[in-house]
Amino acid sequence: MVNLTKLFLRWCAQVRDFGIQHLCNMRNLQVLSVAGCPLLSASGLSSLIQLRHLRELELTNCPGASKELFDYIREHLPRCLIIE
């Protein structure tokens, strides 16, 4: 799965911060959607800055997402489109 470039986990109620941290090993990931995942916190989502090839990140309806988190991710991944 290290060669995976797109992953859609929309509305997956089982995804937790621990799972997001494991995604950070997928260095080729370019598109990720965790829209509507209710158990993700800002702390877990902030670890996504390790995905240097990420070009699109969908965080719509993520309770753990905030303006501060969006700013933090944009600062570290300036080429990544963040869908709020």
PDB file of N, CA and C in Angstrom:
ATOM      1  N   MET A   1       0.806  -1.203   0.000  1.00  0.00           N
ATOM      2  CA  MET A   1       0.000   0.000   0.000  1.00  0.00           C
ATOM      3  C   MET A   1       0.849   1.266   0.000  1.00  0.00           C
ATOM      4  N   VAL A   2       2.153   1.128   0.004  1.00  0.00           N
ATOM      5  CA  VAL A   2       3.000   2.321   0.013  1.00  0.00           C
ATOM      6  C   VAL A   2       2.910   3.094  -1.292  1.00  0.00           C
ATOM      7  N   ASN A   3       2.468   2.452  -2.372  1.00  0.00           N
ATOM      8  CA  ASN A   3       2.351   3.126  -3.664  1.00  0.00           C
ATOM      9  C   ASN A   3       0.984   3.759  -3.889  1.00  0.00           C
ATOM     10  N   LEU A   4       0.097   3.648  -2.928  1.00  0.00           N
ATOM     11  CA  LEU A   4      -1.242   4.217  -3.026  1.00  0.00           C
ATOM     12  C   LEU A   4      -1.153   5.736  -3.181  1.00  0.00           C
ATOM     13  N   THR A   5      -1.887   6.303  -4.151  1.00  0.00           N
ATOM     14  CA  THR A   5      -1.852   7.752  -4.366  1.00  0.00           C
ATOM     15  C   THR A   5      -3.155   8.437  -3.972  1.00  0.00           C
ATOM     16  N   LYS A   6      -4.262   7.685  -3.918  1.00  0.00           N
ATOM     17  CA  LYS A   6      -5.560   8.266  -3.549  1.00  0.00           C
ATOM     18  C   LYS A   6      -6.247   7.363  -2.535  1.00  0.00           C
ATOM     19  N   LEU A   7      -6.848   8.006  -1.524  1.00  0.00           N
ATOM     20  CA  LEU A   7      -7.564   7.250  -0.507  1.00  0.00           C
ATOM     21  C   LEU A   7      -8.768   8.060  -0.044  1.00  0.00           C
ATOM     22  N   PHE A   8      -9.941   7.445  -0.112  1.00  0.00           N
ATOM     23  CA  PHE A   8     -11.185   8.104   0.273  1.00  0.00           C
ATOM     24  C   PHE A   8     -11.792   7.355   1.463  1.00  0.00           C
ATOM     25  N   LEU A   9     -11.821   8.008   2.611  1.00  0.00           N
ATOM     26  CA  LEU A   9     -12.367   7.428   3.840  1.00  0.00           C
ATOM     27  C   LEU A   9     -13.571   8.224   4.326  1.00  0.00           C
ATOM     28  N   ARG A  10     -14.294   8.814   3.403  1.00  0.00           N
ATOM     29  CA  ARG A  10     -15.440   9.670   3.753  1.00  0.00           C
ATOM     30  C   ARG A  10     -16.434   8.944   4.657  1.00  0.00           C
ATOM     31  N   TRP A  11     -16.872   9.651   5.697  1.00  0.00           N
ATOM     32  CA  TRP A  11     -17.911   9.200   6.616  1.00  0.00           C
ATOM     33  C   TRP A  11     -17.598   7.844   7.243  1.00  0.00           C
ATOM     34  N   CYS A  12     -16.346   7.579   7.454  1.00  0.00           N
ATOM     35  CA  CYS A  12     -15.933   6.331   8.096  1.00  0.00           C
ATOM     36  C   CYS A  12     -15.853   6.573   9.606  1.00  0.00           C
ATOM     37  N   ALA A  13     -16.820   6.051  10.315  1.00  0.00           N
ATOM     38  CA  ALA A  13     -16.933   6.315  11.753  1.00  0.00           C
ATOM     39  C   ALA A  13     -15.886   5.574  12.585  1.00  0.00           C
ATOM     40  N   GLN A  14     -15.153   4.656  11.991  1.00  0.00           N
ATOM     41  CA  GLN A  14     -14.156   3.899  12.738  1.00  0.00           C
ATOM     42  C   GLN A  14     -12.754   4.511  12.682  1.00  0.00           C
ATOM     43  N   VAL A  15     -12.529   5.475  11.824  1.00  0.00           N
ATOM     44  CA  VAL A  15     -11.193   6.063  11.687  1.00  0.00           C
ATOM     45  C   VAL A  15     -10.898   6.944  12.896  1.00  0.00           C
ATOM     46  N   ARG A  16      -9.757   6.676  13.509  1.00  0.00           N
ATOM     47  CA  ARG A  16      -9.323   7.446  14.677  1.00  0.00           C
ATOM     48  C   ARG A  16      -7.945   8.050  14.405  1.00  0.00           C
ATOM     49  N   ASP A  17      -7.481   8.865  15.321  1.00  0.00           N
ATOM     50  CA  ASP A  17      -6.179   9.513  15.173  1.00  0.00           C
ATOM     51  C   ASP A  17      -5.060   8.506  14.943  1.00  0.00           C
ATOM     52  N   PHE A  18      -5.119   7.383  15.644  1.00  0.00           N
ATOM     53  CA  PHE A  18      -4.102   6.350  15.496  1.00  0.00           C
ATOM     54  C   PHE A  18      -4.022   5.863  14.047  1.00  0.00           C
ATOM     55  N   GLY A  19      -5.172   5.696  13.409  1.00  0.00           N
ATOM     56  CA  GLY A  19      -5.209   5.276  12.009  1.00  0.00           C
ATOM     57  C   GLY A  19      -4.634   6.326  11.081  1.00  0.00           C
ATOM     58  N   ILE A  20      -4.911   7.590  11.374  1.00  0.00           N
ATOM     59  CA  ILE A  20      -4.374   8.682  10.554  1.00  0.00           C
ATOM     60  C   ILE A  20      -2.855   8.705  10.648  1.00  0.00           C
ATOM     61  N   GLN A  21      -2.328   8.449  11.824  1.00  0.00           N
ATOM     62  CA  GLN A  21      -0.875   8.434  11.992  1.00  0.00           C
ATOM     63  C   GLN A  21      -0.240   7.324  11.161  1.00  0.00           C
ATOM     64  N   HIS A  22      -0.941   6.202  11.004  1.00  0.00           N
ATOM     65  CA  HIS A  22      -0.436   5.128  10.144  1.00  0.00           C
ATOM     66  C   HIS A  22      -0.453   5.539   8.674  1.00  0.00           C
ATOM     67  N   LEU A  23      -1.419   6.358   8.282  1.00  0.00           N
ATOM     68  CA  LEU A  23      -1.472   6.835   6.895  1.00  0.00           C
ATOM     69  C   LEU A  23      -0.229   7.638   6.534  1.00  0.00           C
ATOM     70  N   CYS A  24       0.399   8.224   7.516  1.00  0.00           N
ATOM     71  CA  CYS A  24       1.575   9.056   7.259  1.00  0.00           C
ATOM     72  C   CYS A  24       2.749   8.246   6.728  1.00  0.00           C
ATOM     73  N   ASN A  25       2.667   6.915   6.796  1.00  0.00           N
ATOM     74  CA  ASN A  25       3.688   6.053   6.201  1.00  0.00           C
ATOM     75  C   ASN A  25       3.489   5.900   4.695  1.00  0.00           C
ATOM     76  N   MET A  26       2.346   6.322   4.193  1.00  0.00           N
ATOM     77  CA  MET A  26       2.046   6.231   2.758  1.00  0.00           C
ATOM     78  C   MET A  26       2.584   7.479   2.069  1.00  0.00           C
ATOM     79  N   ARG A  27       3.870   7.504   1.858  1.00  0.00           N
ATOM     80  CA  ARG A  27       4.574   8.698   1.381  1.00  0.00           C
ATOM     81  C   ARG A  27       4.162   9.161  -0.011  1.00  0.00           C
ATOM     82  N   ASN A  28       3.534   8.295  -0.810  1.00  0.00           N
ATOM     83  CA  ASN A  28       3.128   8.673  -2.165  1.00  0.00           C
ATOM     84  C   ASN A  28       1.696   9.187  -2.239  1.00  0.00           C
ATOM     85  N   LEU A  29       1.016   9.248  -1.102  1.00  0.00           N
ATOM     86  CA  LEU A  29      -0.376   9.685  -1.080  1.00  0.00           C
ATOM     87  C   LEU A  29      -0.496  11.131  -1.559  1.00  0.00           C
ATOM     88  N   GLN A  30      -1.360  11.346  -2.553  1.00  0.00           N
ATOM     89  CA  GLN A  30      -1.557  12.673  -3.129  1.00  0.00           C
ATOM     90  C   GLN A  30      -2.949  13.232  -2.849  1.00  0.00           C
ATOM     91  N   VAL A  31      -3.939  12.361  -2.721  1.00  0.00           N
ATOM     92  CA  VAL A  31      -5.320  12.785  -2.481  1.00  0.00           C
ATOM     93  C   VAL A  31      -5.858  11.982  -1.299  1.00  0.00           C
ATOM     94  N   LEU A  32      -6.401  12.699  -0.313  1.00  0.00           N
ATOM     95  CA  LEU A  32      -6.968  12.050   0.861  1.00  0.00           C
ATOM     96  C   LEU A  32      -8.258  12.747   1.253  1.00  0.00           C
ATOM     97  N   SER A  33      -9.296  11.954   1.464  1.00  0.00           N
ATOM     98  CA  SER A  33     -10.552  12.488   1.981  1.00  0.00           C
ATOM     99  C   SER A  33     -10.890  11.782   3.284  1.00  0.00           C
ATOM    100  N   VAL A  34     -11.033  12.575   4.338  1.00  0.00           N
ATOM    101  CA  VAL A  34     -11.516  12.073   5.623  1.00  0.00           C
ATOM    102  C   VAL A  34     -12.754  12.876   6.027  1.00  0.00           C
ATOM    103  N   ALA A  35     -13.472  13.354   5.025  1.00  0.00           N
ATOM    104  CA  ALA A  35     -14.677  14.160   5.254  1.00  0.00           C
ATOM    105  C   ALA A  35     -15.683  13.381   6.088  1.00  0.00           C
ATOM    106  N   GLY A  36     -16.220  14.035   7.105  1.00  0.00           N
ATOM    107  CA  GLY A  36     -17.262  13.443   7.918  1.00  0.00           C
ATOM    108  C   GLY A  36     -16.809  12.375   8.889  1.00  0.00           C
ATOM    109  N   CYS A  37     -15.518  12.241   9.102  1.00  0.00           N
ATOM    110  CA  CYS A  37     -15.015  11.255  10.072  1.00  0.00           C
ATOM    111  C   CYS A  37     -15.084  11.874  11.467  1.00  0.00           C
ATOM    112  N   PRO A  38     -16.021  11.418  12.305  1.00  0.00           N
ATOM    113  CA  PRO A  38     -16.328  12.119  13.550  1.00  0.00           C
ATOM    114  C   PRO A  38     -15.313  11.963  14.675  1.00  0.00           C
ATOM    115  N   LEU A  39     -14.419  10.986  14.599  1.00  0.00           N
ATOM    116  CA  LEU A  39     -13.522  10.715  15.721  1.00  0.00           C
ATOM    117  C   LEU A  39     -12.126  11.309  15.565  1.00  0.00           C
ATOM    118  N   LEU A  40     -11.901  12.063  14.495  1.00  0.00           N
ATOM    119  CA  LEU A  40     -10.575  12.635  14.272  1.00  0.00           C
ATOM    120  C   LEU A  40     -10.429  13.964  15.001  1.00  0.00           C
ATOM    121  N   SER A  41      -9.318  14.116  15.691  1.00  0.00           N
ATOM    122  CA  SER A  41      -9.049  15.358  16.417  1.00  0.00           C
ATOM    123  C   SER A  41      -8.056  16.210  15.632  1.00  0.00           C
ATOM    124  N   ALA A  42      -7.903  17.441  16.049  1.00  0.00           N
ATOM    125  CA  ALA A  42      -6.925  18.339  15.422  1.00  0.00           C
ATOM    126  C   ALA A  42      -5.521  17.763  15.567  1.00  0.00           C
ATOM    127  N   SER A  43      -5.254  17.133  16.685  1.00  0.00           N
ATOM    128  CA  SER A  43      -3.940  16.532  16.916  1.00  0.00           C
ATOM    129  C   SER A  43      -3.641  15.444  15.884  1.00  0.00           C
ATOM    130  N   GLY A  44      -4.589  14.562  15.663  1.00  0.00           N
ATOM    131  CA  GLY A  44      -4.401  13.506  14.673  1.00  0.00           C
ATOM    132  C   GLY A  44      -4.295  14.049  13.264  1.00  0.00           C
ATOM    133  N   LEU A  45      -5.157  14.994  12.926  1.00  0.00           N
ATOM    134  CA  LEU A  45      -5.150  15.573  11.579  1.00  0.00           C
ATOM    135  C   LEU A  45      -3.873  16.363  11.310  1.00  0.00           C
ATOM    136  N   SER A  46      -3.314  16.967  12.342  1.00  0.00           N
ATOM    137  CA  SER A  46      -2.094  17.760  12.141  1.00  0.00           C
ATOM    138  C   SER A  46      -0.911  16.885  11.739  1.00  0.00           C
ATOM    139  N   SER A  47      -0.963  15.601  12.041  1.00  0.00           N
ATOM    140  CA  SER A  47       0.127  14.705  11.651  1.00  0.00           C
ATOM    141  C   SER A  47       0.198  14.515  10.138  1.00  0.00           C
ATOM    142  N   LEU A  48      -0.853  14.903   9.422  1.00  0.00           N
ATOM    143  CA  LEU A  48      -0.872  14.748   7.963  1.00  0.00           C
ATOM    144  C   LEU A  48       0.164  15.614   7.259  1.00  0.00           C
ATOM    145  N   ILE A  49       0.771  16.560   7.965  1.00  0.00           N
ATOM    146  CA  ILE A  49       1.804  17.390   7.325  1.00  0.00           C
ATOM    147  C   ILE A  49       3.021  16.564   6.934  1.00  0.00           C
ATOM    148  N   GLN A  50       3.112  15.346   7.430  1.00  0.00           N
ATOM    149  CA  GLN A  50       4.208  14.453   7.047  1.00  0.00           C
ATOM    150  C   GLN A  50       4.064  13.954   5.611  1.00  0.00           C
ATOM    151  N   LEU A  51       2.860  14.081   5.052  1.00  0.00           N
ATOM    152  CA  LEU A  51       2.595  13.618   3.682  1.00  0.00           C
ATOM    153  C   LEU A  51       2.989  14.712   2.698  1.00  0.00           C
ATOM    154  N   ARG A  52       4.252  14.800   2.402  1.00  0.00           N
ATOM    155  CA  ARG A  52       4.806  15.887   1.585  1.00  0.00           C
ATOM    156  C   ARG A  52       4.301  15.920   0.147  1.00  0.00           C
ATOM    157  N   HIS A  53       3.779  14.798  -0.356  1.00  0.00           N
ATOM    158  CA  HIS A  53       3.270  14.757  -1.732  1.00  0.00           C
ATOM    159  C   HIS A  53       1.772  15.027  -1.809  1.00  0.00           C
ATOM    160  N   LEU A  54       1.146  15.271  -0.664  1.00  0.00           N
ATOM    161  CA  LEU A  54      -0.298  15.493  -0.625  1.00  0.00           C
ATOM    162  C   LEU A  54      -0.665  16.760  -1.397  1.00  0.00           C
ATOM    163  N   ARG A  55      -1.601  16.622  -2.340  1.00  0.00           N
ATOM    164  CA  ARG A  55      -2.026  17.746  -3.176  1.00  0.00           C
ATOM    165  C   ARG A  55      -3.481  18.135  -2.932  1.00  0.00           C
ATOM    166  N   GLU A  56      -4.257  17.226  -2.344  1.00  0.00           N
ATOM    167  CA  GLU A  56      -5.664  17.520  -2.055  1.00  0.00           C
ATOM    168  C   GLU A  56      -6.071  16.805  -0.772  1.00  0.00           C
ATOM    169  N   LEU A  57      -6.657  17.574   0.141  1.00  0.00           N
ATOM    170  CA  LEU A  57      -7.095  17.040   1.423  1.00  0.00           C
ATOM    171  C   LEU A  57      -8.503  17.534   1.706  1.00  0.00           C
ATOM    172  N   GLU A  58      -9.439  16.602   1.820  1.00  0.00           N
ATOM    173  CA  GLU A  58     -10.830  16.976   2.097  1.00  0.00           C
ATOM    174  C   GLU A  58     -11.137  16.747   3.576  1.00  0.00           C
ATOM    175  N   LEU A  59     -11.506  17.835   4.264  1.00  0.00           N
ATOM    176  CA  LEU A  59     -11.806  17.799   5.695  1.00  0.00           C
ATOM    177  C   LEU A  59     -13.223  18.280   5.998  1.00  0.00           C
ATOM    178  N   THR A  60     -14.093  18.282   5.001  1.00  0.00           N
ATOM    179  CA  THR A  60     -15.472  18.733   5.173  1.00  0.00           C
ATOM    180  C   THR A  60     -16.162  17.936   6.282  1.00  0.00           C
ATOM    181  N   ASN A  61     -16.872  18.633   7.153  1.00  0.00           N
ATOM    182  CA  ASN A  61     -17.635  18.009   8.243  1.00  0.00           C
ATOM    183  C   ASN A  61     -16.787  17.169   9.192  1.00  0.00           C
ATOM    184  N   CYS A  62     -15.537  17.572   9.390  1.00  0.00           N
ATOM    185  CA  CYS A  62     -14.684  16.930  10.392  1.00  0.00           C
ATOM    186  C   CYS A  62     -14.731  17.771  11.659  1.00  0.00           C
ATOM    187  N   PRO A  63     -15.303  17.249  12.734  1.00  0.00           N
ATOM    188  CA  PRO A  63     -15.406  18.032  13.965  1.00  0.00           C
ATOM    189  C   PRO A  63     -14.052  18.477  14.511  1.00  0.00           C
ATOM    190  N   GLY A  64     -12.996  17.716  14.242  1.00  0.00           N
ATOM    191  CA  GLY A  64     -11.667  18.063  14.747  1.00  0.00           C
ATOM    192  C   GLY A  64     -10.967  19.140  13.951  1.00  0.00           C
ATOM    193  N   ALA A  65     -11.530  19.520  12.815  1.00  0.00           N
ATOM    194  CA  ALA A  65     -10.903  20.533  11.957  1.00  0.00           C
ATOM    195  C   ALA A  65     -11.317  21.928  12.414  1.00  0.00           C
ATOM    196  N   SER A  66     -10.383  22.851  12.341  1.00  0.00           N
ATOM    197  CA  SER A  66     -10.638  24.239  12.746  1.00  0.00           C
ATOM    198  C   SER A  66      -9.843  25.168  11.839  1.00  0.00           C
ATOM    199  N   LYS A  67     -10.108  26.443  11.934  1.00  0.00           N
ATOM    200  CA  LYS A  67      -9.361  27.426  11.147  1.00  0.00           C
ATOM    201  C   LYS A  67      -7.870  27.331  11.464  1.00  0.00           C
ATOM    202  N   GLU A  68      -7.544  27.152  12.732  1.00  0.00           N
ATOM    203  CA  GLU A  68      -6.144  27.037  13.141  1.00  0.00           C
ATOM    204  C   GLU A  68      -5.483  25.823  12.496  1.00  0.00           C
ATOM    205  N   LEU A  69      -6.215  24.722  12.423  1.00  0.00           N
ATOM    206  CA  LEU A  69      -5.680  23.521  11.788  1.00  0.00           C
ATOM    207  C   LEU A  69      -5.460  23.754  10.301  1.00  0.00           C
ATOM    208  N   PHE A  70      -6.441  24.374   9.630  1.00  0.00           N
ATOM    209  CA  PHE A  70      -6.291  24.661   8.202  1.00  0.00           C
ATOM    210  C   PHE A  70      -5.057  25.528   7.963  1.00  0.00           C
ATOM    211  N   ASP A  71      -4.875  26.547   8.783  1.00  0.00           N
ATOM    212  CA  ASP A  71      -3.714  27.433   8.648  1.00  0.00           C
ATOM    213  C   ASP A  71      -2.413  26.664   8.860  1.00  0.00           C
ATOM    214  N   TYR A  72      -2.399  25.792   9.850  1.00  0.00           N
ATOM    215  CA  TYR A  72      -1.213  24.990  10.160  1.00  0.00           C
ATOM    216  C   TYR A  72      -0.847  24.079   8.982  1.00  0.00           C
ATOM    217  N   ILE A  73      -1.843  23.410   8.424  1.00  0.00           N
ATOM    218  CA  ILE A  73      -1.584  22.514   7.297  1.00  0.00           C
ATOM    219  C   ILE A  73      -1.133  23.317   6.081  1.00  0.00           C
ATOM    220  N   ARG A  74      -1.779  24.444   5.823  1.00  0.00           N
ATOM    221  CA  ARG A  74      -1.384  25.282   4.674  1.00  0.00           C
ATOM    222  C   ARG A  74       0.054  25.779   4.811  1.00  0.00           C
ATOM    223  N   GLU A  75       0.453  26.089   6.025  1.00  0.00           N
ATOM    224  CA  GLU A  75       1.818  26.558   6.266  1.00  0.00           C
ATOM    225  C   GLU A  75       2.843  25.478   5.935  1.00  0.00           C
ATOM    226  N   HIS A  76       2.529  24.231   6.271  1.00  0.00           N
ATOM    227  CA  HIS A  76       3.468  23.130   6.070  1.00  0.00           C
ATOM    228  C   HIS A  76       3.319  22.419   4.723  1.00  0.00           C
ATOM    229  N   LEU A  77       2.134  22.521   4.126  1.00  0.00           N
ATOM    230  CA  LEU A  77       1.885  21.902   2.818  1.00  0.00           C
ATOM    231  C   LEU A  77       1.290  22.951   1.874  1.00  0.00           C
ATOM    232  N   PRO A  78       2.077  23.922   1.466  1.00  0.00           N
ATOM    233  CA  PRO A  78       1.533  25.040   0.682  1.00  0.00           C
ATOM    234  C   PRO A  78       0.957  24.641  -0.675  1.00  0.00           C
ATOM    235  N   ARG A  79       1.352  23.491  -1.208  1.00  0.00           N
ATOM    236  CA  ARG A  79       0.842  23.056  -2.519  1.00  0.00           C
ATOM    237  C   ARG A  79      -0.419  22.201  -2.410  1.00  0.00           C
ATOM    238  N   CYS A  80      -0.879  21.993  -1.197  1.00  0.00           N
ATOM    239  CA  CYS A  80      -2.035  21.129  -0.967  1.00  0.00           C
ATOM    240  C   CYS A  80      -3.322  21.946  -0.941  1.00  0.00           C
ATOM    241  N   LEU A  81      -4.294  21.532  -1.739  1.00  0.00           N
ATOM    242  CA  LEU A  81      -5.623  22.136  -1.730  1.00  0.00           C
ATOM    243  C   LEU A  81      -6.402  21.520  -0.575  1.00  0.00           C
ATOM    244  N   ILE A  82      -6.852  22.367   0.336  1.00  0.00           N
ATOM    245  CA  ILE A  82      -7.625  21.887   1.477  1.00  0.00           C
ATOM    246  C   ILE A  82      -9.089  22.212   1.234  1.00  0.00           C
ATOM    247  N   ILE A  83      -9.904  21.187   1.197  1.00  0.00           N
ATOM    248  CA  ILE A  83     -11.340  21.361   1.006  1.00  0.00           C
ATOM    249  C   ILE A  83     -11.974  21.328   2.389  1.00  0.00           C
ATOM    250  N   GLU A  84     -12.502  22.483   2.771  1.00  0.00           N
ATOM    251  CA  GLU A  84     -13.043  22.638   4.129  1.00  0.00           C
ATOM    252  C   GLU A  84     -14.469  22.160   4.183  1.00  0.00           C
TER     253      GLU A  84
END
